[in-house]
Amino acid sequence: MHLVAEAIADIPELGERTLYIKTFDYTIKVKVTTDSVLGWIAKYWQYFLGTIAIPLVGWFWTLYSKRKEKKEKEV
């Protein structure tokens, strides 16, 4: 993970511009285990379903439907 903090300063002499100043830049090593992933899924299952599981089911259903159509056209 890469953490960056920026300070925003309005400078009157330059008009309505915003100046971004990087104040902090640090790389953090993160270890992900199976238990931590499963724990996250158990706690936030609704986000998992909404962003990963439901779209995957839709994608597989589309593939299945296309294969079924192709087989029916061949017959």
C-alpha atoms as a PDB file:
ATOM      1  CA  MET A   1       0.000   0.000   0.000  1.00  0.00           C
ATOM      2  CA  HIS A   2       1.282   3.450  -0.825  1.00  0.00           C
ATOM      3  CA  LEU A   3       0.231   6.317   1.474  1.00  0.00           C
ATOM      4  CA  VAL A   4       0.503   9.914   0.284  1.00  0.00           C
ATOM      5  CA  ALA A   5      -0.704  12.988   2.147  1.00  0.00           C
ATOM      6  CA  GLU A   6      -1.078  16.325   0.399  1.00  0.00           C
ATOM      7  CA  ALA A   7      -1.722  19.774   1.809  1.00  0.00           C
ATOM      8  CA  ILE A   8      -3.972  22.120  -0.155  1.00  0.00           C
ATOM      9  CA  ALA A   9      -3.178  25.828  -0.023  1.00  0.00           C
ATOM     10  CA  ASP A  10      -4.994  28.645  -1.837  1.00  0.00           C
ATOM     11  CA  ILE A  11      -2.570  31.256  -3.117  1.00  0.00           C
ATOM     12  CA  PRO A  12      -4.153  34.705  -3.590  1.00  0.00           C
ATOM     13  CA  GLU A  13      -1.364  36.051  -5.841  1.00  0.00           C
ATOM     14  CA  LEU A  14      -2.022  33.321  -8.423  1.00  0.00           C
ATOM     15  CA  GLY A  15      -5.776  33.846  -8.640  1.00  0.00           C
ATOM     16  CA  GLU A  16      -8.245  31.009  -8.022  1.00  0.00           C
ATOM     17  CA  ARG A  17      -5.646  28.212  -8.217  1.00  0.00           C
ATOM     18  CA  THR A  18      -5.037  25.513  -5.672  1.00  0.00           C
ATOM     19  CA  LEU A  19      -1.495  24.387  -4.932  1.00  0.00           C
ATOM     20  CA  TYR A  20      -0.980  20.727  -3.995  1.00  0.00           C
ATOM     21  CA  ILE A  21       2.059  20.144  -1.803  1.00  0.00           C
ATOM     22  CA  LYS A  22       3.130  16.572  -1.076  1.00  0.00           C
ATOM     23  CA  THR A  23       3.802  16.473   2.652  1.00  0.00           C
ATOM     24  CA  PHE A  24       4.097  12.739   3.266  1.00  0.00           C
ATOM     25  CA  ASP A  25       5.020   9.751   1.089  1.00  0.00           C
ATOM     26  CA  TYR A  26       5.407   6.286   2.598  1.00  0.00           C
ATOM     27  CA  THR A  27       5.160   2.675   1.409  1.00  0.00           C
ATOM     28  CA  ILE A  28       3.492   0.234   3.812  1.00  0.00           C
ATOM     29  CA  LYS A  29       3.884  -3.527   3.507  1.00  0.00           C
ATOM     30  CA  VAL A  30       0.593  -5.361   4.124  1.00  0.00           C
ATOM     31  CA  LYS A  31       0.257  -9.101   4.694  1.00  0.00           C
ATOM     32  CA  VAL A  32      -3.077 -10.601   3.635  1.00  0.00           C
ATOM     33  CA  THR A  33      -4.029 -14.042   4.916  1.00  0.00           C
ATOM     34  CA  THR A  34      -6.910 -16.325   4.069  1.00  0.00           C
ATOM     35  CA  ASP A  35      -8.389 -15.767   7.522  1.00  0.00           C
ATOM     36  CA  SER A  36      -8.308 -11.991   7.106  1.00  0.00           C
ATOM     37  CA  VAL A  37     -10.034 -12.193   3.700  1.00  0.00           C
ATOM     38  CA  LEU A  38     -12.705 -14.582   4.972  1.00  0.00           C
ATOM     39  CA  GLY A  39     -13.200 -12.401   8.047  1.00  0.00           C
ATOM     40  CA  TRP A  40     -13.689  -9.351   5.838  1.00  0.00           C
ATOM     41  CA  ILE A  41     -16.205 -11.209   3.663  1.00  0.00           C
ATOM     42  CA  ALA A  42     -18.109 -12.362   6.769  1.00  0.00           C
ATOM     43  CA  LYS A  43     -18.234  -8.815   8.134  1.00  0.00           C
ATOM     44  CA  TYR A  44     -18.919  -6.961   4.879  1.00  0.00           C
ATOM     45  CA  TRP A  45     -20.740  -9.634   2.865  1.00  0.00           C
ATOM     46  CA  GLN A  46     -23.106  -7.112   1.260  1.00  0.00           C
ATOM     47  CA  TYR A  47     -20.189  -5.249  -0.355  1.00  0.00           C
ATOM     48  CA  PHE A  48     -18.652  -8.515  -1.509  1.00  0.00           C
ATOM     49  CA  LEU A  49     -21.920  -9.604  -3.139  1.00  0.00           C
ATOM     50  CA  GLY A  50     -22.505  -6.239  -4.771  1.00  0.00           C
ATOM     51  CA  THR A  51     -19.053  -5.780  -6.242  1.00  0.00           C
ATOM     52  CA  ILE A  52     -17.792  -9.300  -6.948  1.00  0.00           C
ATOM     53  CA  ALA A  53     -20.278 -12.161  -6.606  1.00  0.00           C
ATOM     54  CA  ILE A  54     -23.327 -10.733  -8.410  1.00  0.00           C
ATOM     55  CA  PRO A  55     -21.351  -9.408 -11.422  1.00  0.00           C
ATOM     56  CA  LEU A  56     -19.566 -12.777 -11.714  1.00  0.00           C
ATOM     57  CA  VAL A  57     -22.872 -14.658 -11.723  1.00  0.00           C
ATOM     58  CA  GLY A  58     -24.151 -12.296 -14.426  1.00  0.00           C
ATOM     59  CA  TRP A  59     -21.028 -12.813 -16.505  1.00  0.00           C
ATOM     60  CA  PHE A  60     -21.253 -16.611 -16.215  1.00  0.00           C
ATOM     61  CA  TRP A  61     -24.968 -16.478 -17.106  1.00  0.00           C
ATOM     62  CA  THR A  62     -24.141 -14.471 -20.241  1.00  0.00           C
ATOM     63  CA  LEU A  63     -21.492 -17.017 -21.269  1.00  0.00           C
ATOM     64  CA  TYR A  64     -23.926 -19.873 -20.641  1.00  0.00           C
ATOM     65  CA  SER A  65     -26.666 -18.178 -22.673  1.00  0.00           C
ATOM     66  CA  LYS A  66     -24.343 -17.519 -25.621  1.00  0.00           C
ATOM     67  CA  ARG A  67     -23.177 -21.144 -25.658  1.00  0.00           C
ATOM     68  CA  LYS A  68     -26.760 -22.366 -25.487  1.00  0.00           C
ATOM     69  CA  GLU A  69     -27.752 -20.106 -28.422  1.00  0.00           C
ATOM     70  CA  LYS A  70     -24.774 -21.296 -30.453  1.00  0.00           C
ATOM     71  CA  LYS A  71     -25.690 -24.974 -29.874  1.00  0.00           C
ATOM     72  CA  GLU A  72     -29.331 -24.319 -30.838  1.00  0.00           C
ATOM     73  CA  LYS A  73     -28.250 -22.611 -34.096  1.00  0.00           C
ATOM     74  CA  GLU A  74     -25.993 -25.548 -35.001  1.00  0.00           C
ATOM     75  CA  VAL A  75     -28.849 -28.060 -34.683  1.00  0.00           C
END
